[in-house]
Amino acid sequence: MEFISQPWAWYVAGPVIALVMFLLFYFGERFGVSSNLETFCSIGGAGKFVDYFKIDWKQNVWNLIFIAGSIAGGFIATQWLSTTEVVDINTQTVKDLADIGIANAGTSYLPDEIFSIETMLTLKGFIILIVAGFMVGFGARWAGGCTSGHAIVGLSNLEIPSVISVIGFFIGGLIMTWFILPLIF
């Protein structure tokens, strides 16, 4: 059963995001995924090894609700709100991806050459996951937040550190796309 066949329009999605941001601001919270990961690391006992994680995670219970909502929302979106249409990607991009070994670009949102379980269980895939995870974790900690926190909340609050962080995220993305990704594949 499919309810919609297209993504939400910007004039619907934008106000929904603004409403969520307003509610978080009203209740004294900030949006960002990395703070949720901090809470999970604290629950898991990371504070025994790293002082940064020595926090009272019970004060951040809303992070657990956020993650539960993200999982539930992702499930609902993939089961009932996703289109079955082919992803419309520029033909030059499809050709460029094929040139580095990513076949059938556009037939799915997540190419098997990067995101399949089989790929992740290879030595190369495992190393990529470990290195990428470390870089994302380190980057989020160094930037004082993740891309969603800085780009959605920080920019809307006109915070200079968020502007600098978002510029850095885009530069990093461009370097990865044009220089590192072709070397990996």
N, C-alpha and C. Protein backbone atom coordinates (compact mmCIF):
# COMPACT_ATOMS: atom_id res chain seq x y z
N MET A 1 0.85 -1.18 0.00
CA MET A 1 0.00 0.00 0.00
C MET A 1 0.89 1.23 0.00
N GLU A 2 0.70 2.07 -0.97
CA GLU A 2 1.54 3.25 -1.10
C GLU A 2 0.67 4.50 -1.01
N PHE A 3 1.00 5.39 -0.08
CA PHE A 3 0.20 6.59 0.12
C PHE A 3 0.60 7.73 -0.79
N ILE A 4 1.89 7.90 -1.00
CA ILE A 4 2.36 9.00 -1.83
C ILE A 4 3.36 8.48 -2.84
N SER A 5 3.58 9.23 -3.88
CA SER A 5 4.55 8.80 -4.87
C SER A 5 5.67 9.83 -5.06
N GLN A 6 5.62 10.92 -4.36
CA GLN A 6 6.64 11.95 -4.48
C GLN A 6 7.06 12.42 -3.09
N PRO A 7 8.29 12.93 -2.97
CA PRO A 7 8.70 13.51 -1.68
C PRO A 7 7.82 14.70 -1.33
N TRP A 8 7.78 15.03 -0.05
CA TRP A 8 7.02 16.20 0.37
C TRP A 8 7.60 17.44 -0.27
N ALA A 9 6.75 18.35 -0.62
CA ALA A 9 7.20 19.62 -1.20
C ALA A 9 7.92 20.44 -0.14
N TRP A 10 8.81 21.31 -0.57
CA TRP A 10 9.58 22.13 0.36
C TRP A 10 8.67 22.97 1.24
N TYR A 11 7.54 23.43 0.71
CA TYR A 11 6.65 24.29 1.48
C TYR A 11 5.85 23.51 2.53
N VAL A 12 5.93 22.19 2.50
CA VAL A 12 5.34 21.37 3.56
C VAL A 12 6.44 20.94 4.54
N ALA A 13 7.54 20.39 3.98
CA ALA A 13 8.63 19.89 4.81
C ALA A 13 9.30 21.01 5.62
N GLY A 14 9.50 22.17 5.00
CA GLY A 14 10.15 23.29 5.70
C GLY A 14 9.41 23.72 6.95
N PRO A 15 8.11 24.00 6.87
CA PRO A 15 7.37 24.36 8.08
C PRO A 15 7.34 23.24 9.14
N VAL A 16 7.33 21.98 8.71
CA VAL A 16 7.37 20.88 9.69
C VAL A 16 8.69 20.90 10.44
N ILE A 17 9.80 21.10 9.71
CA ILE A 17 11.11 21.20 10.36
C ILE A 17 11.13 22.40 11.30
N ALA A 18 10.58 23.53 10.86
CA ALA A 18 10.54 24.73 11.71
C ALA A 18 9.72 24.48 12.97
N LEU A 19 8.62 23.76 12.85
CA LEU A 19 7.80 23.43 14.01
C LEU A 19 8.58 22.56 15.00
N VAL A 20 9.28 21.57 14.49
CA VAL A 20 10.09 20.71 15.36
C VAL A 20 11.16 21.53 16.07
N MET A 21 11.82 22.42 15.31
CA MET A 21 12.86 23.26 15.91
C MET A 21 12.27 24.18 16.99
N PHE A 22 11.09 24.74 16.72
CA PHE A 22 10.44 25.60 17.71
C PHE A 22 10.12 24.81 18.98
N LEU A 23 9.59 23.60 18.82
CA LEU A 23 9.25 22.79 20.00
C LEU A 23 10.50 22.44 20.81
N LEU A 24 11.59 22.08 20.12
CA LEU A 24 12.83 21.79 20.84
C LEU A 24 13.34 23.04 21.56
N PHE A 25 13.31 24.18 20.89
CA PHE A 25 13.73 25.43 21.51
C PHE A 25 12.85 25.75 22.71
N TYR A 26 11.55 25.58 22.57
CA TYR A 26 10.61 25.87 23.64
C TYR A 26 10.91 25.03 24.89
N PHE A 27 11.27 23.77 24.66
CA PHE A 27 11.55 22.88 25.79
C PHE A 27 13.02 22.89 26.21
N GLY A 28 13.79 23.82 25.65
CA GLY A 28 15.18 24.00 26.07
C GLY A 28 16.14 22.96 25.53
N GLU A 29 15.82 22.34 24.41
CA GLU A 29 16.69 21.33 23.82
C GLU A 29 17.20 21.82 22.47
N ARG A 30 18.25 21.15 21.99
CA ARG A 30 18.82 21.49 20.68
C ARG A 30 18.78 20.24 19.82
N PHE A 31 18.54 20.45 18.53
CA PHE A 31 18.49 19.34 17.60
C PHE A 31 19.89 18.98 17.14
N GLY A 32 20.17 17.71 17.12
CA GLY A 32 21.45 17.21 16.62
C GLY A 32 21.58 15.74 16.93
N VAL A 33 22.07 14.99 15.98
CA VAL A 33 22.17 13.55 16.16
C VAL A 33 23.37 13.17 17.02
N SER A 34 24.44 13.94 16.95
CA SER A 34 25.64 13.56 17.71
C SER A 34 25.37 13.58 19.22
N SER A 35 24.51 14.45 19.69
CA SER A 35 24.19 14.44 21.13
C SER A 35 23.47 13.16 21.52
N ASN A 36 22.70 12.58 20.58
CA ASN A 36 22.06 11.30 20.86
C ASN A 36 23.10 10.20 20.98
N LEU A 37 24.11 10.24 20.15
CA LEU A 37 25.16 9.24 20.22
C LEU A 37 25.96 9.38 21.51
N GLU A 38 26.17 10.61 21.97
CA GLU A 38 26.84 10.81 23.26
C GLU A 38 26.06 10.12 24.37
N THR A 39 24.73 10.26 24.34
CA THR A 39 23.89 9.64 25.36
C THR A 39 24.03 8.12 25.32
N PHE A 40 24.01 7.54 24.12
CA PHE A 40 24.15 6.10 24.00
C PHE A 40 25.51 5.62 24.48
N CYS A 41 26.56 6.36 24.17
CA CYS A 41 27.90 5.99 24.65
C CYS A 41 27.96 6.06 26.17
N SER A 42 27.30 7.06 26.75
CA SER A 42 27.28 7.18 28.21
C SER A 42 26.51 6.02 28.84
N ILE A 43 25.40 5.66 28.24
CA ILE A 43 24.62 4.52 28.75
C ILE A 43 25.45 3.24 28.67
N GLY A 44 26.23 3.11 27.59
CA GLY A 44 27.04 1.92 27.38
C GLY A 44 28.28 1.84 28.25
N GLY A 45 28.57 2.87 29.03
CA GLY A 45 29.70 2.83 29.95
C GLY A 45 30.96 3.46 29.42
N ALA A 46 30.89 4.26 28.38
CA ALA A 46 32.09 4.89 27.82
C ALA A 46 32.73 5.85 28.81
N GLY A 47 31.96 6.33 29.80
CA GLY A 47 32.50 7.24 30.81
C GLY A 47 33.58 6.59 31.67
N LYS A 48 33.63 5.26 31.70
CA LYS A 48 34.68 4.56 32.44
C LYS A 48 36.04 4.72 31.77
N PHE A 49 36.01 5.04 30.46
CA PHE A 49 37.25 5.13 29.70
C PHE A 49 37.58 6.55 29.25
N VAL A 50 36.55 7.36 29.03
CA VAL A 50 36.75 8.72 28.53
C VAL A 50 35.90 9.68 29.37
N ASP A 51 36.55 10.66 29.96
CA ASP A 51 35.85 11.61 30.84
C ASP A 51 34.71 12.35 30.14
N TYR A 52 34.86 12.58 28.84
CA TYR A 52 33.84 13.30 28.09
C TYR A 52 32.46 12.67 28.24
N PHE A 53 32.42 11.34 28.37
CA PHE A 53 31.15 10.63 28.46
C PHE A 53 30.64 10.46 29.88
N LYS A 54 31.32 11.07 30.85
CA LYS A 54 30.85 11.01 32.23
C LYS A 54 29.76 12.06 32.44
N ILE A 55 28.57 11.73 31.96
CA ILE A 55 27.43 12.63 32.09
C ILE A 55 26.27 11.83 32.67
N ASP A 56 25.33 12.53 33.24
CA ASP A 56 24.13 11.88 33.74
C ASP A 56 23.16 11.74 32.57
N TRP A 57 23.20 10.58 31.92
CA TRP A 57 22.40 10.38 30.72
C TRP A 57 20.90 10.46 30.99
N LYS A 58 20.50 10.31 32.23
CA LYS A 58 19.06 10.38 32.56
C LYS A 58 18.51 11.79 32.35
N GLN A 59 19.40 12.79 32.37
CA GLN A 59 18.96 14.16 32.06
C GLN A 59 18.73 14.34 30.57
N ASN A 60 19.18 13.39 29.77
CA ASN A 60 19.04 13.47 28.32
C ASN A 60 18.12 12.38 27.78
N VAL A 61 17.12 12.00 28.55
CA VAL A 61 16.19 10.95 28.12
C VAL A 61 15.51 11.32 26.80
N TRP A 62 15.34 12.60 26.56
CA TRP A 62 14.69 13.01 25.32
C TRP A 62 15.47 12.52 24.11
N ASN A 63 16.80 12.33 24.26
CA ASN A 63 17.60 11.79 23.15
C ASN A 63 17.15 10.38 22.78
N LEU A 64 16.78 9.59 23.78
CA LEU A 64 16.30 8.24 23.51
C LEU A 64 14.96 8.28 22.78
N ILE A 65 14.12 9.23 23.16
CA ILE A 65 12.83 9.40 22.49
C ILE A 65 13.08 9.85 21.04
N PHE A 66 14.04 10.74 20.85
CA PHE A 66 14.39 11.21 19.50
C PHE A 66 14.83 10.03 18.62
N ILE A 67 15.71 9.17 19.14
CA ILE A 67 16.19 8.03 18.37
C ILE A 67 15.05 7.06 18.07
N ALA A 68 14.20 6.80 19.06
CA ALA A 68 13.05 5.92 18.83
C ALA A 68 12.14 6.50 17.75
N GLY A 69 11.91 7.79 17.79
CA GLY A 69 11.11 8.45 16.76
C GLY A 69 11.78 8.40 15.39
N SER A 70 13.10 8.53 15.36
CA SER A 70 13.83 8.45 14.09
C SER A 70 13.70 7.06 13.48
N ILE A 71 13.82 6.04 14.31
CA ILE A 71 13.69 4.66 13.82
C ILE A 71 12.26 4.41 13.34
N ALA A 72 11.28 4.81 14.15
CA ALA A 72 9.88 4.62 13.76
C ALA A 72 9.56 5.42 12.50
N GLY A 73 10.03 6.66 12.43
CA GLY A 73 9.79 7.48 11.25
C GLY A 73 10.44 6.90 10.00
N GLY A 74 11.65 6.38 10.15
CA GLY A 74 12.33 5.75 9.01
C GLY A 74 11.57 4.52 8.53
N PHE A 75 11.07 3.74 9.47
CA PHE A 75 10.29 2.55 9.10
C PHE A 75 9.01 2.95 8.36
N ILE A 76 8.29 3.92 8.93
CA ILE A 76 7.05 4.38 8.29
C ILE A 76 7.33 4.94 6.90
N ALA A 77 8.41 5.72 6.78
CA ALA A 77 8.75 6.32 5.49
C ALA A 77 9.09 5.26 4.45
N THR A 78 9.86 4.25 4.84
CA THR A 78 10.24 3.23 3.85
C THR A 78 9.09 2.29 3.52
N GLN A 79 8.21 2.04 4.48
CA GLN A 79 7.12 1.10 4.24
C GLN A 79 5.94 1.73 3.50
N TRP A 80 5.60 2.97 3.83
CA TRP A 80 4.36 3.53 3.31
C TRP A 80 4.50 4.88 2.60
N LEU A 81 5.60 5.57 2.77
CA LEU A 81 5.72 6.90 2.19
C LEU A 81 6.78 7.01 1.11
N SER A 82 7.36 5.90 0.71
CA SER A 82 8.43 5.94 -0.28
C SER A 82 7.90 5.61 -1.67
N THR A 83 8.49 6.25 -2.62
CA THR A 83 8.14 5.99 -4.01
C THR A 83 8.93 4.79 -4.53
N THR A 84 8.38 4.09 -5.47
CA THR A 84 9.09 2.96 -6.08
C THR A 84 9.73 3.37 -7.40
N GLU A 85 9.65 4.64 -7.71
CA GLU A 85 10.22 5.13 -8.96
C GLU A 85 11.74 5.14 -8.90
N VAL A 86 12.35 5.08 -10.07
CA VAL A 86 13.80 5.15 -10.17
C VAL A 86 14.23 6.56 -9.76
N VAL A 87 15.36 6.63 -9.06
CA VAL A 87 15.90 7.92 -8.63
C VAL A 87 16.40 8.67 -9.85
N ASP A 88 15.95 9.89 -10.03
CA ASP A 88 16.31 10.69 -11.20
C ASP A 88 17.66 11.37 -10.96
N ILE A 89 18.70 10.79 -11.55
CA ILE A 89 20.06 11.31 -11.40
C ILE A 89 20.54 11.79 -12.75
N ASN A 90 21.28 12.86 -12.76
CA ASN A 90 21.86 13.41 -13.98
C ASN A 90 22.62 12.31 -14.72
N THR A 91 22.46 12.26 -16.03
CA THR A 91 23.11 11.21 -16.82
C THR A 91 24.63 11.26 -16.72
N GLN A 92 25.20 12.44 -16.61
CA GLN A 92 26.65 12.54 -16.45
C GLN A 92 27.09 11.95 -15.11
N THR A 93 26.30 12.17 -14.07
CA THR A 93 26.62 11.59 -12.76
C THR A 93 26.55 10.07 -12.82
N VAL A 94 25.53 9.53 -13.49
CA VAL A 94 25.41 8.08 -13.64
C VAL A 94 26.65 7.54 -14.36
N LYS A 95 27.10 8.23 -15.41
CA LYS A 95 28.30 7.81 -16.15
C LYS A 95 29.54 7.89 -15.26
N ASP A 96 29.68 8.98 -14.52
CA ASP A 96 30.84 9.14 -13.63
C ASP A 96 30.87 8.05 -12.56
N LEU A 97 29.73 7.72 -12.01
CA LEU A 97 29.66 6.66 -11.00
C LEU A 97 29.98 5.30 -11.61
N ALA A 98 29.50 5.05 -12.83
CA ALA A 98 29.81 3.79 -13.50
C ALA A 98 31.31 3.68 -13.77
N ASP A 99 31.95 4.81 -14.08
CA ASP A 99 33.39 4.81 -14.35
C ASP A 99 34.21 4.40 -13.13
N ILE A 100 33.69 4.64 -11.92
CA ILE A 100 34.45 4.24 -10.72
C ILE A 100 33.92 2.94 -10.12
N GLY A 101 33.00 2.28 -10.83
CA GLY A 101 32.57 0.95 -10.40
C GLY A 101 31.23 0.88 -9.71
N ILE A 102 30.47 1.94 -9.70
CA ILE A 102 29.14 1.90 -9.09
C ILE A 102 28.13 1.76 -10.23
N ALA A 103 27.73 0.53 -10.46
CA ALA A 103 26.82 0.22 -11.57
C ALA A 103 25.38 0.50 -11.15
N ASN A 104 24.54 0.70 -12.13
CA ASN A 104 23.10 0.87 -11.90
C ASN A 104 22.78 2.05 -10.99
N ALA A 105 23.57 3.09 -11.03
CA ALA A 105 23.30 4.28 -10.21
C ALA A 105 21.92 4.83 -10.57
N GLY A 106 21.15 5.12 -9.55
CA GLY A 106 19.82 5.66 -9.75
C GLY A 106 18.72 4.63 -9.63
N THR A 107 19.09 3.35 -9.67
CA THR A 107 18.05 2.32 -9.53
C THR A 107 17.64 2.12 -8.08
N SER A 108 18.46 2.61 -7.17
CA SER A 108 18.12 2.56 -5.75
C SER A 108 18.78 3.74 -5.05
N TYR A 109 18.31 4.05 -3.86
CA TYR A 109 18.88 5.17 -3.11
C TYR A 109 20.26 4.85 -2.56
N LEU A 110 20.51 3.59 -2.25
CA LEU A 110 21.78 3.19 -1.67
C LEU A 110 22.44 2.14 -2.56
N PRO A 111 23.51 2.50 -3.28
CA PRO A 111 24.14 1.54 -4.18
C PRO A 111 24.74 0.36 -3.42
N ASP A 112 24.53 -0.84 -3.97
CA ASP A 112 25.05 -2.06 -3.34
C ASP A 112 26.56 -2.07 -3.24
N GLU A 113 27.25 -1.40 -4.15
CA GLU A 113 28.71 -1.38 -4.13
C GLU A 113 29.26 -0.69 -2.89
N ILE A 114 28.42 0.06 -2.20
CA ILE A 114 28.85 0.76 -0.99
C ILE A 114 28.12 0.23 0.24
N PHE A 115 26.81 0.01 0.13
CA PHE A 115 25.98 -0.21 1.31
C PHE A 115 25.45 -1.61 1.52
N SER A 116 25.79 -2.58 0.69
CA SER A 116 25.27 -3.93 0.91
C SER A 116 26.01 -4.60 2.07
N ILE A 117 25.37 -5.55 2.69
CA ILE A 117 25.99 -6.30 3.79
C ILE A 117 27.24 -7.02 3.28
N GLU A 118 27.16 -7.57 2.08
CA GLU A 118 28.32 -8.28 1.51
C GLU A 118 29.52 -7.35 1.39
N THR A 119 29.29 -6.12 0.95
CA THR A 119 30.38 -5.15 0.80
C THR A 119 30.94 -4.77 2.17
N MET A 120 30.06 -4.58 3.13
CA MET A 120 30.51 -4.17 4.46
C MET A 120 31.31 -5.26 5.16
N LEU A 121 31.10 -6.53 4.80
CA LEU A 121 31.80 -7.63 5.44
C LEU A 121 33.14 -7.96 4.79
N THR A 122 33.49 -7.24 3.73
CA THR A 122 34.82 -7.43 3.15
C THR A 122 35.82 -6.62 3.97
N LEU A 123 37.11 -6.95 3.82
CA LEU A 123 38.14 -6.20 4.55
C LEU A 123 38.10 -4.73 4.15
N LYS A 124 38.02 -4.46 2.85
CA LYS A 124 37.96 -3.08 2.37
C LYS A 124 36.74 -2.36 2.93
N GLY A 125 35.57 -3.00 2.87
CA GLY A 125 34.35 -2.38 3.38
C GLY A 125 34.42 -2.12 4.88
N PHE A 126 35.00 -3.07 5.63
CA PHE A 126 35.13 -2.91 7.07
C PHE A 126 36.07 -1.77 7.41
N ILE A 127 37.18 -1.67 6.72
CA ILE A 127 38.13 -0.59 6.97
C ILE A 127 37.49 0.76 6.64
N ILE A 128 36.75 0.82 5.53
CA ILE A 128 36.07 2.07 5.17
C ILE A 128 35.09 2.47 6.27
N LEU A 129 34.33 1.50 6.80
CA LEU A 129 33.38 1.80 7.88
C LEU A 129 34.08 2.33 9.12
N ILE A 130 35.16 1.68 9.51
CA ILE A 130 35.89 2.09 10.72
C ILE A 130 36.48 3.48 10.53
N VAL A 131 37.15 3.70 9.42
CA VAL A 131 37.79 5.01 9.17
C VAL A 131 36.73 6.10 9.05
N ALA A 132 35.65 5.83 8.30
CA ALA A 132 34.59 6.82 8.13
C ALA A 132 33.91 7.12 9.47
N GLY A 133 33.63 6.09 10.24
CA GLY A 133 33.01 6.29 11.55
C GLY A 133 33.88 7.12 12.47
N PHE A 134 35.17 6.82 12.48
CA PHE A 134 36.10 7.60 13.30
C PHE A 134 36.13 9.05 12.85
N MET A 135 36.20 9.26 11.53
CA MET A 135 36.29 10.64 11.02
C MET A 135 35.01 11.42 11.32
N VAL A 136 33.85 10.78 11.17
CA VAL A 136 32.59 11.46 11.46
C VAL A 136 32.50 11.77 12.96
N GLY A 137 32.84 10.81 13.79
CA GLY A 137 32.80 11.03 15.24
C GLY A 137 33.77 12.11 15.68
N PHE A 138 34.99 12.04 15.18
CA PHE A 138 35.99 13.05 15.51
C PHE A 138 35.55 14.42 15.01
N GLY A 139 35.07 14.46 13.77
CA GLY A 139 34.65 15.73 13.19
C GLY A 139 33.49 16.36 13.94
N ALA A 140 32.51 15.55 14.32
CA ALA A 140 31.37 16.07 15.07
C ALA A 140 31.81 16.60 16.43
N ARG A 141 32.72 15.89 17.07
CA ARG A 141 33.22 16.34 18.38
C ARG A 141 34.03 17.62 18.23
N TRP A 142 34.90 17.67 17.23
CA TRP A 142 35.76 18.83 17.01
C TRP A 142 34.93 20.05 16.62
N ALA A 143 33.89 19.84 15.82
CA ALA A 143 33.04 20.95 15.37
C ALA A 143 32.01 21.35 16.42
N GLY A 144 31.93 20.59 17.50
CA GLY A 144 30.96 20.92 18.54
C GLY A 144 29.53 20.55 18.15
N GLY A 145 29.39 19.59 17.25
CA GLY A 145 28.08 19.14 16.82
C GLY A 145 28.15 18.54 15.43
N CYS A 146 27.05 17.95 15.02
CA CYS A 146 27.01 17.27 13.73
C CYS A 146 26.42 18.16 12.65
N THR A 147 26.36 17.63 11.44
CA THR A 147 25.87 18.40 10.31
C THR A 147 24.43 18.86 10.52
N SER A 148 23.59 17.98 11.05
CA SER A 148 22.19 18.37 11.24
C SER A 148 22.06 19.46 12.30
N GLY A 149 22.80 19.34 13.37
CA GLY A 149 22.74 20.35 14.43
C GLY A 149 23.21 21.71 13.96
N HIS A 150 24.36 21.72 13.29
CA HIS A 150 24.90 23.00 12.81
C HIS A 150 24.08 23.57 11.66
N ALA A 151 23.73 22.72 10.69
CA ALA A 151 23.07 23.22 9.48
C ALA A 151 21.62 23.64 9.75
N ILE A 152 20.92 22.92 10.61
CA ILE A 152 19.52 23.25 10.85
C ILE A 152 19.38 24.26 11.99
N VAL A 153 19.97 23.94 13.12
CA VAL A 153 19.79 24.81 14.29
C VAL A 153 20.77 25.98 14.29
N GLY A 154 22.05 25.67 14.10
CA GLY A 154 23.06 26.72 14.18
C GLY A 154 22.89 27.81 13.14
N LEU A 155 22.62 27.41 11.90
CA LEU A 155 22.42 28.42 10.86
C LEU A 155 21.16 29.23 11.09
N SER A 156 20.10 28.56 11.57
CA SER A 156 18.85 29.31 11.82
C SER A 156 19.01 30.29 12.97
N ASN A 157 19.97 30.02 13.88
CA ASN A 157 20.26 30.94 14.98
C ASN A 157 21.35 31.94 14.61
N LEU A 158 21.82 31.89 13.36
CA LEU A 158 22.87 32.78 12.85
C LEU A 158 24.15 32.69 13.68
N GLU A 159 24.54 31.47 14.05
CA GLU A 159 25.75 31.26 14.85
C GLU A 159 26.96 31.13 13.92
N ILE A 160 27.95 31.98 14.13
CA ILE A 160 29.16 31.98 13.30
C ILE A 160 29.87 30.62 13.33
N PRO A 161 30.04 29.96 14.49
CA PRO A 161 30.68 28.64 14.46
C PRO A 161 29.95 27.64 13.57
N SER A 162 28.62 27.75 13.49
CA SER A 162 27.87 26.85 12.62
C SER A 162 28.11 27.16 11.15
N VAL A 163 28.22 28.44 10.82
CA VAL A 163 28.52 28.82 9.43
C VAL A 163 29.87 28.23 9.04
N ILE A 164 30.86 28.38 9.90
CA ILE A 164 32.20 27.85 9.63
C ILE A 164 32.15 26.33 9.52
N SER A 165 31.41 25.67 10.42
CA SER A 165 31.30 24.21 10.39
C SER A 165 30.63 23.72 9.12
N VAL A 166 29.54 24.36 8.72
CA VAL A 166 28.82 23.93 7.51
C VAL A 166 29.70 24.13 6.27
N ILE A 167 30.44 25.22 6.21
CA ILE A 167 31.37 25.41 5.10
C ILE A 167 32.40 24.28 5.09
N GLY A 168 32.90 23.93 6.26
CA GLY A 168 33.85 22.81 6.37
C GLY A 168 33.23 21.49 5.95
N PHE A 169 31.97 21.25 6.32
CA PHE A 169 31.29 20.02 5.92
C PHE A 169 31.19 19.93 4.39
N PHE A 170 30.84 21.06 3.76
CA PHE A 170 30.72 21.05 2.30
C PHE A 170 32.07 20.86 1.63
N ILE A 171 33.09 21.50 2.14
CA ILE A 171 34.43 21.32 1.57
C ILE A 171 34.85 19.86 1.72
N GLY A 172 34.63 19.28 2.89
CA GLY A 172 34.95 17.87 3.11
C GLY A 172 34.18 16.96 2.17
N GLY A 173 32.91 17.26 1.95
CA GLY A 173 32.10 16.47 1.03
C GLY A 173 32.62 16.55 -0.40
N LEU A 174 33.02 17.74 -0.81
CA LEU A 174 33.57 17.90 -2.16
C LEU A 174 34.89 17.15 -2.31
N ILE A 175 35.74 17.24 -1.31
CA ILE A 175 37.03 16.51 -1.36
C ILE A 175 36.77 15.01 -1.43
N MET A 176 35.83 14.53 -0.61
CA MET A 176 35.51 13.10 -0.63
C MET A 176 34.98 12.68 -1.99
N THR A 177 34.04 13.44 -2.53
CA THR A 177 33.40 13.09 -3.80
C THR A 177 34.36 13.11 -4.98
N TRP A 178 35.19 14.15 -5.06
CA TRP A 178 36.01 14.32 -6.25
C TRP A 178 37.40 13.70 -6.16
N PHE A 179 37.92 13.49 -4.95
CA PHE A 179 39.30 13.02 -4.85
C PHE A 179 39.44 11.66 -4.15
N ILE A 180 38.76 11.48 -3.02
CA ILE A 180 38.96 10.26 -2.24
C ILE A 180 38.11 9.10 -2.76
N LEU A 181 36.83 9.32 -3.02
CA LEU A 181 35.94 8.25 -3.49
C LEU A 181 36.46 7.57 -4.75
N PRO A 182 36.93 8.32 -5.76
CA PRO A 182 37.50 7.64 -6.93
C PRO A 182 38.72 6.78 -6.60
N LEU A 183 39.48 7.14 -5.58
CA LEU A 183 40.65 6.32 -5.19
C LEU A 183 40.21 5.03 -4.49
N ILE A 184 39.10 5.11 -3.75
CA ILE A 184 38.61 3.93 -3.01
C ILE A 184 38.05 2.89 -3.98
N PHE A 185 37.36 3.36 -5.00
CA PHE A 185 36.75 2.43 -5.93
C PHE A 185 37.61 2.31 -7.16
